[in-house]
N, C-alpha and C. Protein backbone atom coordinates (compact mmCIF):
# COMPACT_ATOMS: atom_id res chain seq x y z
N MET A 1 21.22 -13.60 4.96
CA MET A 1 21.05 -14.64 3.96
C MET A 1 20.19 -14.12 2.81
N SER A 2 20.62 -14.38 1.63
CA SER A 2 19.94 -13.91 0.42
C SER A 2 18.57 -14.59 0.26
N LYS A 3 17.56 -13.78 -0.10
CA LYS A 3 16.21 -14.29 -0.35
C LYS A 3 15.84 -14.04 -1.80
N LYS A 4 14.99 -14.90 -2.33
CA LYS A 4 14.42 -14.68 -3.66
C LYS A 4 13.08 -14.00 -3.46
N ILE A 5 12.98 -12.78 -3.97
CA ILE A 5 11.80 -11.94 -3.72
C ILE A 5 11.13 -11.57 -5.03
N ILE A 6 9.83 -11.78 -5.11
CA ILE A 6 9.03 -11.26 -6.23
C ILE A 6 8.45 -9.94 -5.77
N PHE A 7 8.68 -8.91 -6.56
CA PHE A 7 8.18 -7.57 -6.24
C PHE A 7 7.10 -7.22 -7.25
N LEU A 8 5.87 -7.11 -6.76
CA LEU A 8 4.71 -6.81 -7.61
C LEU A 8 4.38 -5.32 -7.53
N GLY A 9 3.97 -4.74 -8.66
CA GLY A 9 3.51 -3.34 -8.65
C GLY A 9 4.57 -2.39 -9.17
N TYR A 10 4.90 -1.41 -8.34
CA TYR A 10 5.84 -0.38 -8.77
C TYR A 10 7.18 -1.00 -9.19
N ARG A 11 7.74 -0.41 -10.24
CA ARG A 11 9.08 -0.81 -10.69
C ARG A 11 10.11 0.09 -10.02
N LYS A 12 11.39 -0.18 -10.26
CA LYS A 12 12.43 0.57 -9.55
C LYS A 12 12.47 2.05 -9.90
N SER A 13 11.84 2.43 -11.00
CA SER A 13 11.75 3.87 -11.32
C SER A 13 10.73 4.59 -10.42
N ARG A 14 9.85 3.82 -9.75
CA ARG A 14 8.81 4.40 -8.90
C ARG A 14 9.03 4.18 -7.41
N THR A 15 9.94 3.28 -7.05
CA THR A 15 10.19 3.01 -5.63
C THR A 15 11.67 2.72 -5.40
N SER A 16 12.15 3.15 -4.26
CA SER A 16 13.55 2.88 -3.89
C SER A 16 13.70 1.49 -3.27
N LEU A 17 12.61 0.80 -3.03
CA LEU A 17 12.69 -0.47 -2.29
C LEU A 17 13.35 -1.59 -3.08
N ILE A 18 13.22 -1.59 -4.39
CA ILE A 18 13.84 -2.66 -5.18
C ILE A 18 15.36 -2.57 -5.09
N SER A 19 15.90 -1.37 -5.26
CA SER A 19 17.35 -1.19 -5.11
C SER A 19 17.80 -1.50 -3.68
N PHE A 20 17.00 -1.08 -2.71
CA PHE A 20 17.30 -1.35 -1.30
C PHE A 20 17.40 -2.86 -1.05
N LEU A 21 16.42 -3.62 -1.55
CA LEU A 21 16.42 -5.07 -1.37
C LEU A 21 17.61 -5.73 -2.05
N ARG A 22 17.97 -5.21 -3.23
CA ARG A 22 19.14 -5.77 -3.94
C ARG A 22 20.44 -5.45 -3.21
N LYS A 23 20.54 -4.28 -2.61
CA LYS A 23 21.74 -3.92 -1.84
C LYS A 23 21.90 -4.83 -0.63
N LYS A 24 20.77 -5.37 -0.17
CA LYS A 24 20.80 -6.31 0.95
C LYS A 24 21.10 -7.73 0.47
N LYS A 25 21.55 -7.85 -0.79
CA LYS A 25 21.97 -9.12 -1.40
C LYS A 25 20.82 -10.08 -1.73
N ASN A 26 19.61 -9.55 -1.84
CA ASN A 26 18.47 -10.38 -2.25
C ASN A 26 18.40 -10.43 -3.77
N ILE A 27 17.81 -11.49 -4.29
CA ILE A 27 17.53 -11.59 -5.72
C ILE A 27 16.09 -11.13 -5.88
N VAL A 28 15.90 -10.05 -6.63
CA VAL A 28 14.57 -9.45 -6.76
C VAL A 28 14.08 -9.58 -8.20
N TYR A 29 12.92 -10.19 -8.35
CA TYR A 29 12.26 -10.31 -9.65
C TYR A 29 11.19 -9.23 -9.73
N GLU A 30 11.37 -8.27 -10.64
CA GLU A 30 10.39 -7.19 -10.82
C GLU A 30 9.27 -7.69 -11.72
N PHE A 31 8.06 -7.75 -11.20
CA PHE A 31 6.92 -8.22 -11.99
C PHE A 31 6.07 -7.08 -12.52
N GLY A 32 6.23 -5.87 -11.98
CA GLY A 32 5.36 -4.78 -12.39
C GLY A 32 3.91 -5.18 -12.12
N ASN A 33 3.05 -4.91 -13.08
CA ASN A 33 1.63 -5.27 -12.92
C ASN A 33 1.25 -6.51 -13.72
N LYS A 34 2.26 -7.31 -14.05
CA LYS A 34 2.01 -8.60 -14.70
C LYS A 34 1.26 -9.50 -13.71
N ILE A 35 0.30 -10.26 -14.19
CA ILE A 35 -0.47 -11.14 -13.32
C ILE A 35 0.42 -12.32 -12.89
N ILE A 36 0.51 -12.50 -11.58
CA ILE A 36 1.35 -13.57 -11.04
C ILE A 36 0.63 -14.91 -11.18
N LYS A 37 1.41 -15.93 -11.54
CA LYS A 37 0.84 -17.27 -11.77
C LYS A 37 1.46 -18.25 -10.76
N THR A 38 0.82 -19.40 -10.62
CA THR A 38 1.28 -20.37 -9.63
C THR A 38 2.72 -20.81 -9.85
N ASN A 39 3.14 -20.98 -11.10
CA ASN A 39 4.53 -21.43 -11.34
C ASN A 39 5.55 -20.34 -11.01
N ASP A 40 5.13 -19.07 -10.94
CA ASP A 40 6.04 -17.98 -10.54
C ASP A 40 6.39 -18.09 -9.05
N VAL A 41 5.42 -18.54 -8.26
CA VAL A 41 5.54 -18.54 -6.81
C VAL A 41 6.60 -19.52 -6.31
N GLU A 42 6.82 -20.59 -7.04
CA GLU A 42 7.74 -21.64 -6.60
C GLU A 42 9.15 -21.12 -6.32
N LYS A 43 9.58 -20.11 -7.06
CA LYS A 43 10.94 -19.63 -6.89
C LYS A 43 11.08 -18.56 -5.81
N ALA A 44 9.98 -18.18 -5.19
CA ALA A 44 10.02 -17.04 -4.26
C ALA A 44 10.04 -17.45 -2.80
N ASP A 45 10.94 -16.81 -2.04
CA ASP A 45 10.92 -16.93 -0.58
C ASP A 45 9.93 -15.94 0.01
N LEU A 46 9.73 -14.84 -0.71
CA LEU A 46 8.85 -13.77 -0.23
C LEU A 46 8.28 -13.03 -1.44
N ILE A 47 7.02 -12.63 -1.34
CA ILE A 47 6.39 -11.80 -2.37
C ILE A 47 5.95 -10.51 -1.71
N ILE A 48 6.34 -9.39 -2.32
CA ILE A 48 5.97 -8.07 -1.82
C ILE A 48 5.13 -7.38 -2.88
N SER A 49 4.01 -6.82 -2.45
CA SER A 49 3.11 -6.08 -3.33
C SER A 49 3.11 -4.61 -2.90
N PHE A 50 3.38 -3.73 -3.85
CA PHE A 50 3.40 -2.29 -3.57
C PHE A 50 2.92 -1.57 -4.83
N GLY A 51 1.68 -1.09 -4.78
CA GLY A 51 1.10 -0.43 -5.95
C GLY A 51 0.63 -1.42 -7.01
N TYR A 52 0.39 -2.65 -6.63
CA TYR A 52 -0.04 -3.70 -7.56
C TYR A 52 -1.53 -3.52 -7.89
N LYS A 53 -1.88 -3.61 -9.16
CA LYS A 53 -3.23 -3.28 -9.62
C LYS A 53 -4.19 -4.47 -9.66
N HIS A 54 -3.74 -5.65 -9.32
CA HIS A 54 -4.60 -6.83 -9.44
C HIS A 54 -4.87 -7.46 -8.08
N ILE A 55 -6.02 -8.11 -7.97
CA ILE A 55 -6.31 -8.92 -6.78
C ILE A 55 -5.61 -10.26 -6.99
N ILE A 56 -4.89 -10.70 -5.98
CA ILE A 56 -4.12 -11.94 -6.11
C ILE A 56 -5.05 -13.14 -5.91
N ASN A 57 -4.96 -14.06 -6.84
CA ASN A 57 -5.80 -15.25 -6.88
C ASN A 57 -5.62 -16.10 -5.62
N GLN A 58 -6.72 -16.66 -5.14
CA GLN A 58 -6.70 -17.50 -3.94
C GLN A 58 -5.74 -18.69 -4.09
N ASN A 59 -5.62 -19.24 -5.30
CA ASN A 59 -4.69 -20.35 -5.53
C ASN A 59 -3.26 -19.96 -5.18
N ILE A 60 -2.89 -18.73 -5.50
CA ILE A 60 -1.55 -18.22 -5.17
C ILE A 60 -1.41 -18.12 -3.65
N LEU A 61 -2.42 -17.54 -3.01
CA LEU A 61 -2.37 -17.36 -1.55
C LEU A 61 -2.24 -18.70 -0.83
N ASN A 62 -2.79 -19.74 -1.42
CA ASN A 62 -2.74 -21.07 -0.80
C ASN A 62 -1.39 -21.76 -0.90
N ILE A 63 -0.57 -21.38 -1.88
CA ILE A 63 0.68 -22.14 -2.09
C ILE A 63 1.96 -21.37 -1.75
N VAL A 64 1.85 -20.10 -1.40
CA VAL A 64 3.06 -19.33 -1.08
C VAL A 64 3.72 -19.88 0.19
N LYS A 65 5.04 -19.71 0.27
CA LYS A 65 5.80 -20.20 1.43
C LYS A 65 5.44 -19.45 2.71
N ARG A 66 5.10 -18.19 2.55
CA ARG A 66 4.69 -17.36 3.67
C ARG A 66 3.73 -16.31 3.13
N PRO A 67 2.93 -15.67 3.98
CA PRO A 67 1.96 -14.70 3.46
C PRO A 67 2.63 -13.60 2.62
N ILE A 68 1.94 -13.21 1.56
CA ILE A 68 2.40 -12.10 0.71
C ILE A 68 2.24 -10.82 1.52
N ILE A 69 3.22 -9.94 1.41
CA ILE A 69 3.21 -8.68 2.14
C ILE A 69 2.77 -7.56 1.20
N ASN A 70 1.85 -6.73 1.68
CA ASN A 70 1.37 -5.58 0.91
C ASN A 70 1.73 -4.29 1.64
N LEU A 71 2.18 -3.30 0.87
CA LEU A 71 2.46 -1.98 1.40
C LEU A 71 1.34 -1.07 0.91
N HIS A 72 0.62 -0.47 1.85
CA HIS A 72 -0.58 0.31 1.52
C HIS A 72 -0.46 1.69 2.15
N ILE A 73 -0.71 2.72 1.36
CA ILE A 73 -0.54 4.08 1.87
C ILE A 73 -1.83 4.61 2.50
N SER A 74 -2.25 3.88 3.53
CA SER A 74 -3.33 4.35 4.39
C SER A 74 -3.12 3.73 5.76
N TYR A 75 -3.82 4.28 6.74
CA TYR A 75 -3.77 3.73 8.09
C TYR A 75 -4.92 2.74 8.19
N LEU A 76 -4.62 1.48 7.84
CA LEU A 76 -5.66 0.46 7.80
C LEU A 76 -6.26 0.24 9.19
N PRO A 77 -7.58 -0.04 9.24
CA PRO A 77 -8.47 -0.46 8.16
C PRO A 77 -9.13 0.69 7.38
N PHE A 78 -8.73 1.92 7.63
CA PHE A 78 -9.31 3.05 6.91
C PHE A 78 -8.74 3.13 5.50
N ASN A 79 -9.60 3.44 4.56
CA ASN A 79 -9.22 3.69 3.17
C ASN A 79 -8.58 2.48 2.50
N ARG A 80 -9.24 1.34 2.71
CA ARG A 80 -8.87 0.13 1.99
C ARG A 80 -9.24 0.33 0.53
N GLY A 81 -8.56 -0.39 -0.35
CA GLY A 81 -8.90 -0.33 -1.77
C GLY A 81 -8.20 0.81 -2.49
N SER A 82 -8.93 1.45 -3.40
CA SER A 82 -8.35 2.44 -4.32
C SER A 82 -8.32 3.86 -3.75
N HIS A 83 -7.33 4.60 -4.17
CA HIS A 83 -7.16 6.03 -3.88
C HIS A 83 -7.23 6.35 -2.39
N PRO A 84 -6.45 5.66 -1.57
CA PRO A 84 -6.55 5.87 -0.12
C PRO A 84 -6.20 7.28 0.34
N VAL A 85 -5.25 7.93 -0.32
CA VAL A 85 -4.87 9.28 0.10
C VAL A 85 -6.04 10.24 -0.12
N PHE A 86 -6.65 10.16 -1.28
CA PHE A 86 -7.81 11.01 -1.60
C PHE A 86 -8.90 10.86 -0.55
N TRP A 87 -9.29 9.61 -0.26
CA TRP A 87 -10.41 9.38 0.65
C TRP A 87 -10.08 9.74 2.09
N SER A 88 -8.81 9.65 2.48
CA SER A 88 -8.45 10.02 3.85
C SER A 88 -8.71 11.50 4.12
N PHE A 89 -8.55 12.32 3.09
CA PHE A 89 -8.83 13.75 3.25
C PHE A 89 -10.32 14.05 3.08
N VAL A 90 -10.93 13.47 2.07
CA VAL A 90 -12.34 13.76 1.79
C VAL A 90 -13.24 13.28 2.93
N GLU A 91 -12.92 12.12 3.51
CA GLU A 91 -13.74 11.58 4.60
C GLU A 91 -13.15 11.85 5.98
N ASN A 92 -12.05 12.59 6.02
CA ASN A 92 -11.39 12.97 7.26
C ASN A 92 -11.14 11.77 8.18
N THR A 93 -10.51 10.75 7.63
CA THR A 93 -10.15 9.56 8.40
C THR A 93 -8.65 9.61 8.71
N PRO A 94 -8.19 8.76 9.63
CA PRO A 94 -6.75 8.78 9.96
C PRO A 94 -5.89 8.55 8.72
N LYS A 95 -4.78 9.26 8.69
CA LYS A 95 -3.85 9.16 7.57
C LYS A 95 -2.62 8.40 8.05
N GLY A 96 -2.01 7.66 7.15
CA GLY A 96 -0.81 6.94 7.53
C GLY A 96 -0.45 5.88 6.52
N VAL A 97 0.36 4.92 6.96
CA VAL A 97 0.82 3.84 6.09
C VAL A 97 0.73 2.52 6.85
N SER A 98 0.56 1.43 6.08
CA SER A 98 0.42 0.11 6.69
C SER A 98 1.15 -0.94 5.86
N ILE A 99 1.77 -1.87 6.57
CA ILE A 99 2.36 -3.05 5.95
C ILE A 99 1.57 -4.22 6.52
N HIS A 100 0.98 -5.03 5.64
CA HIS A 100 0.12 -6.11 6.13
C HIS A 100 0.27 -7.35 5.28
N GLU A 101 -0.22 -8.46 5.82
CA GLU A 101 -0.24 -9.72 5.09
C GLU A 101 -1.50 -9.76 4.24
N ILE A 102 -1.35 -10.21 3.01
CA ILE A 102 -2.51 -10.30 2.11
C ILE A 102 -3.29 -11.56 2.42
N ASP A 103 -4.62 -11.40 2.49
CA ASP A 103 -5.50 -12.56 2.55
C ASP A 103 -6.56 -12.40 1.47
N LYS A 104 -7.62 -13.17 1.54
CA LYS A 104 -8.62 -13.15 0.46
C LYS A 104 -9.44 -11.86 0.41
N GLU A 105 -9.46 -11.09 1.47
CA GLU A 105 -10.19 -9.82 1.49
C GLU A 105 -9.24 -8.69 1.08
N ILE A 106 -9.80 -7.61 0.56
CA ILE A 106 -8.95 -6.49 0.11
C ILE A 106 -8.51 -5.65 1.30
N ASP A 107 -7.21 -5.63 1.53
CA ASP A 107 -6.58 -4.82 2.58
C ASP A 107 -7.11 -5.11 3.98
N LEU A 108 -7.49 -6.36 4.24
CA LEU A 108 -7.95 -6.75 5.58
C LEU A 108 -7.06 -7.81 6.23
N GLY A 109 -5.93 -8.13 5.59
CA GLY A 109 -5.03 -9.10 6.18
C GLY A 109 -4.38 -8.57 7.45
N ASN A 110 -3.78 -9.46 8.20
CA ASN A 110 -3.15 -9.08 9.47
C ASN A 110 -2.13 -7.97 9.29
N ILE A 111 -2.18 -7.01 10.20
CA ILE A 111 -1.25 -5.87 10.19
C ILE A 111 0.10 -6.32 10.73
N ILE A 112 1.14 -5.98 9.98
CA ILE A 112 2.51 -6.24 10.44
C ILE A 112 3.02 -4.98 11.15
N PHE A 113 2.98 -3.87 10.44
CA PHE A 113 3.36 -2.57 11.00
C PHE A 113 2.46 -1.51 10.39
N ARG A 114 2.16 -0.48 11.14
CA ARG A 114 1.46 0.68 10.59
C ARG A 114 1.87 1.91 11.39
N LYS A 115 1.69 3.04 10.75
CA LYS A 115 2.12 4.29 11.38
C LYS A 115 1.20 5.42 10.93
N LYS A 116 0.70 6.17 11.90
CA LYS A 116 -0.10 7.35 11.56
C LYS A 116 0.85 8.44 11.05
N TYR A 117 0.29 9.29 10.21
CA TYR A 117 1.10 10.38 9.65
C TYR A 117 0.29 11.66 9.73
N ILE A 118 0.92 12.71 10.23
CA ILE A 118 0.27 14.02 10.32
C ILE A 118 0.95 14.94 9.31
N PHE A 119 0.14 15.46 8.42
CA PHE A 119 0.66 16.39 7.40
C PHE A 119 0.83 17.76 8.03
N LYS A 120 2.07 18.24 8.09
CA LYS A 120 2.35 19.54 8.70
C LYS A 120 2.28 20.66 7.68
N LYS A 121 2.63 20.33 6.44
CA LYS A 121 2.62 21.35 5.39
C LYS A 121 1.19 21.70 5.01
N LYS A 122 0.91 22.97 4.88
CA LYS A 122 -0.43 23.43 4.49
C LYS A 122 -0.48 23.58 2.97
N ASN A 123 -1.67 23.66 2.44
CA ASN A 123 -1.90 23.85 1.00
C ASN A 123 -1.28 22.76 0.13
N LEU A 124 -1.34 21.54 0.62
CA LEU A 124 -0.86 20.40 -0.15
C LEU A 124 -1.80 20.07 -1.30
N THR A 125 -1.23 19.50 -2.35
CA THR A 125 -2.06 18.89 -3.40
C THR A 125 -2.18 17.40 -3.07
N PHE A 126 -3.13 16.74 -3.71
CA PHE A 126 -3.25 15.29 -3.52
C PHE A 126 -1.96 14.58 -3.96
N GLN A 127 -1.36 15.05 -5.04
CA GLN A 127 -0.12 14.46 -5.54
C GLN A 127 1.00 14.58 -4.51
N GLU A 128 1.13 15.74 -3.89
CA GLU A 128 2.18 15.94 -2.88
C GLU A 128 1.95 15.03 -1.67
N ALA A 129 0.70 14.92 -1.24
CA ALA A 129 0.38 14.06 -0.09
C ALA A 129 0.69 12.60 -0.42
N TYR A 130 0.35 12.19 -1.62
CA TYR A 130 0.62 10.82 -2.08
C TYR A 130 2.13 10.54 -2.04
N LEU A 131 2.93 11.45 -2.57
CA LEU A 131 4.39 11.26 -2.60
C LEU A 131 4.98 11.24 -1.19
N MET A 132 4.41 12.03 -0.29
CA MET A 132 4.89 12.04 1.10
C MET A 132 4.61 10.68 1.77
N LEU A 133 3.46 10.11 1.48
CA LEU A 133 3.13 8.81 2.08
C LEU A 133 3.93 7.67 1.44
N ILE A 134 4.23 7.79 0.16
CA ILE A 134 5.11 6.80 -0.49
C ILE A 134 6.47 6.81 0.22
N CYS A 135 6.99 7.99 0.44
CA CYS A 135 8.28 8.13 1.14
C CYS A 135 8.18 7.55 2.56
N GLU A 136 7.07 7.81 3.23
CA GLU A 136 6.87 7.34 4.60
C GLU A 136 6.81 5.81 4.69
N ILE A 137 6.12 5.18 3.75
CA ILE A 137 6.02 3.72 3.82
C ILE A 137 7.35 3.07 3.44
N GLU A 138 8.09 3.69 2.53
CA GLU A 138 9.41 3.17 2.21
C GLU A 138 10.34 3.26 3.42
N LYS A 139 10.26 4.36 4.17
CA LYS A 139 11.07 4.51 5.38
C LYS A 139 10.70 3.45 6.42
N LEU A 140 9.39 3.22 6.58
CA LEU A 140 8.93 2.22 7.54
C LEU A 140 9.41 0.83 7.15
N PHE A 141 9.31 0.50 5.86
CA PHE A 141 9.77 -0.82 5.40
C PHE A 141 11.27 -0.98 5.65
N LYS A 142 12.05 0.02 5.31
CA LYS A 142 13.51 -0.06 5.50
C LYS A 142 13.87 -0.20 6.98
N LYS A 143 13.17 0.54 7.82
CA LYS A 143 13.42 0.49 9.27
C LYS A 143 13.10 -0.90 9.83
N LYS A 144 12.06 -1.52 9.34
CA LYS A 144 11.59 -2.81 9.85
C LYS A 144 12.05 -3.99 8.97
N TYR A 145 12.97 -3.73 8.06
CA TYR A 145 13.40 -4.74 7.09
C TYR A 145 13.78 -6.07 7.73
N ASN A 146 14.65 -6.04 8.73
CA ASN A 146 15.13 -7.29 9.33
C ASN A 146 13.98 -8.12 9.90
N GLN A 147 13.05 -7.46 10.55
CA GLN A 147 11.90 -8.18 11.11
C GLN A 147 11.01 -8.74 10.00
N ILE A 148 10.85 -7.97 8.93
CA ILE A 148 10.00 -8.41 7.82
C ILE A 148 10.64 -9.60 7.11
N ILE A 149 11.92 -9.48 6.77
CA ILE A 149 12.58 -10.49 5.94
C ILE A 149 12.72 -11.83 6.70
N THR A 150 12.87 -11.75 8.02
CA THR A 150 13.02 -12.97 8.83
C THR A 150 11.69 -13.43 9.43
N LYS A 151 10.64 -12.68 9.16
CA LYS A 151 9.29 -12.93 9.69
C LYS A 151 9.27 -12.95 11.22
N LYS A 152 10.06 -12.04 11.79
CA LYS A 152 10.09 -11.91 13.25
C LYS A 152 9.24 -10.71 13.64
N TYR A 153 7.97 -10.84 13.39
CA TYR A 153 6.99 -9.83 13.76
C TYR A 153 5.74 -10.54 14.24
N ARG A 154 4.92 -9.82 14.97
CA ARG A 154 3.68 -10.40 15.46
C ARG A 154 2.51 -9.74 14.74
N PRO A 155 1.95 -10.43 13.74
CA PRO A 155 0.83 -9.84 13.00
C PRO A 155 -0.39 -9.67 13.89
N ARG A 156 -1.11 -8.57 13.67
CA ARG A 156 -2.31 -8.28 14.45
C ARG A 156 -3.53 -8.26 13.54
N LYS A 157 -4.57 -8.88 13.99
CA LYS A 157 -5.82 -8.94 13.22
C LYS A 157 -6.50 -7.58 13.24
N ILE A 158 -7.08 -7.20 12.11
CA ILE A 158 -7.89 -5.98 12.04
C ILE A 158 -9.28 -6.33 12.55
N ASN A 159 -9.77 -5.57 13.51
CA ASN A 159 -11.06 -5.87 14.13
C ASN A 159 -12.20 -5.00 13.61
N SER A 160 -11.94 -4.27 12.56
CA SER A 160 -12.96 -3.37 12.01
C SER A 160 -12.87 -3.39 10.50
N LEU A 161 -13.99 -3.13 9.84
CA LEU A 161 -13.97 -3.05 8.38
C LEU A 161 -13.43 -1.71 7.90
N GLY A 162 -13.42 -0.69 8.77
CA GLY A 162 -12.93 0.63 8.37
C GLY A 162 -13.71 1.18 7.20
N THR A 163 -13.01 1.67 6.20
CA THR A 163 -13.66 2.21 5.00
C THR A 163 -13.03 1.58 3.77
N PHE A 164 -13.79 1.53 2.69
CA PHE A 164 -13.34 0.88 1.47
C PHE A 164 -13.88 1.64 0.26
N HIS A 165 -13.04 1.78 -0.78
CA HIS A 165 -13.46 2.41 -2.03
C HIS A 165 -12.88 1.69 -3.23
N LYS A 166 -13.69 1.65 -4.28
CA LYS A 166 -13.26 1.09 -5.56
C LYS A 166 -12.80 2.24 -6.45
N ASP A 167 -12.14 1.90 -7.53
CA ASP A 167 -11.73 2.90 -8.54
C ASP A 167 -12.93 3.74 -9.00
N SER A 168 -14.04 3.06 -9.21
CA SER A 168 -15.24 3.72 -9.75
C SER A 168 -15.88 4.70 -8.76
N ASP A 169 -15.46 4.68 -7.49
CA ASP A 169 -16.00 5.62 -6.50
C ASP A 169 -15.41 7.02 -6.64
N LEU A 170 -14.30 7.14 -7.34
CA LEU A 170 -13.64 8.44 -7.46
C LEU A 170 -14.57 9.42 -8.18
N PRO A 171 -14.87 10.56 -7.57
CA PRO A 171 -15.80 11.52 -8.20
C PRO A 171 -15.26 12.10 -9.51
N SER A 172 -16.15 12.30 -10.44
CA SER A 172 -15.75 12.90 -11.72
C SER A 172 -15.33 14.36 -11.54
N SER A 173 -15.67 14.96 -10.41
CA SER A 173 -15.30 16.36 -10.15
C SER A 173 -13.80 16.50 -9.90
N LEU A 174 -13.10 15.40 -9.63
CA LEU A 174 -11.65 15.47 -9.46
C LEU A 174 -11.01 15.40 -10.83
N VAL A 175 -10.50 16.50 -11.31
CA VAL A 175 -9.94 16.55 -12.66
C VAL A 175 -8.41 16.49 -12.67
N SER A 176 -7.79 16.66 -11.50
CA SER A 176 -6.34 16.63 -11.42
C SER A 176 -5.90 16.29 -10.01
N TRP A 177 -4.83 15.50 -9.91
CA TRP A 177 -4.25 15.21 -8.59
C TRP A 177 -3.45 16.41 -8.07
N ASN A 178 -3.25 17.41 -8.92
CA ASN A 178 -2.47 18.59 -8.51
C ASN A 178 -3.34 19.71 -7.95
N ILE A 179 -4.61 19.42 -7.69
CA ILE A 179 -5.48 20.41 -7.07
C ILE A 179 -5.16 20.48 -5.57
N LYS A 180 -5.30 21.66 -4.99
CA LYS A 180 -5.08 21.82 -3.55
C LYS A 180 -6.15 21.03 -2.80
N ILE A 181 -5.73 20.26 -1.84
CA ILE A 181 -6.65 19.41 -1.09
C ILE A 181 -7.71 20.23 -0.38
N SER A 182 -7.29 21.30 0.30
CA SER A 182 -8.25 22.11 1.07
C SER A 182 -9.33 22.69 0.18
N LYS A 183 -8.96 23.14 -1.00
CA LYS A 183 -9.92 23.69 -1.95
C LYS A 183 -10.91 22.62 -2.41
N TYR A 184 -10.38 21.46 -2.76
CA TYR A 184 -11.25 20.40 -3.27
C TYR A 184 -12.20 19.90 -2.18
N VAL A 185 -11.68 19.68 -0.96
CA VAL A 185 -12.51 19.16 0.14
C VAL A 185 -13.63 20.14 0.48
N LYS A 186 -13.30 21.42 0.48
CA LYS A 186 -14.33 22.44 0.76
C LYS A 186 -15.44 22.38 -0.29
N GLU A 187 -15.07 22.31 -1.57
CA GLU A 187 -16.06 22.23 -2.64
C GLU A 187 -16.85 20.92 -2.54
N TYR A 188 -16.18 19.83 -2.21
CA TYR A 188 -16.82 18.52 -2.08
C TYR A 188 -17.85 18.56 -0.95
N ASP A 189 -17.44 19.11 0.20
CA ASP A 189 -18.35 19.22 1.35
C ASP A 189 -19.56 20.08 1.03
N ASN A 190 -19.33 21.19 0.32
CA ASN A 190 -20.44 22.08 -0.04
C ASN A 190 -21.45 21.38 -0.93
N ARG A 191 -20.97 20.55 -1.84
CA ARG A 191 -21.86 19.83 -2.76
C ARG A 191 -22.77 18.86 -2.02
N PHE A 192 -22.21 18.19 -1.00
CA PHE A 192 -22.96 17.13 -0.34
C PHE A 192 -23.65 17.58 0.95
N SER A 193 -23.43 18.81 1.37
CA SER A 193 -24.10 19.29 2.58
C SER A 193 -25.42 19.99 2.28
N LYS A 194 -25.70 20.16 0.98
CA LYS A 194 -26.95 20.84 0.59
C LYS A 194 -28.11 19.89 0.60
């Protein structure tokens, strides 16, 4: 059955999920990073957030037909907030992807699905790792599509705060996402171990 879906964040040039959802006969409204308003929500059966830059207003969370789903490229509750791929390497926390329900806290809503990811390739850049996790979360979403779209999943509460970072936490020493991770982490560790 066709659903009306609002897709927040990445546009179809950045994710394969919009085309995937349309092929499944859904009506998809691409919002990009436009701020969602209460009158937008009325037409939606489901709202998906992927790469969305804004915190969703509590008024929106209160009136949606079902919880908004967020796709986050970290193994929650680790690396909540901004730049999760960067912090997973710098702080050596579990790496992976998570699909969760949005609540009033940042990346602390109930987990729908999550998957750990082990990087096998050596000498990765942050950009390469980011793209690999984007691909991984898209695969997870597609695999679990039927359960997500029909809400036939059992959400699990996160029992830990994990780790959290804001945009402003990103060190000024990071000048490019194309730097080799191992090189940057070694220099980062040396700076803070003195």
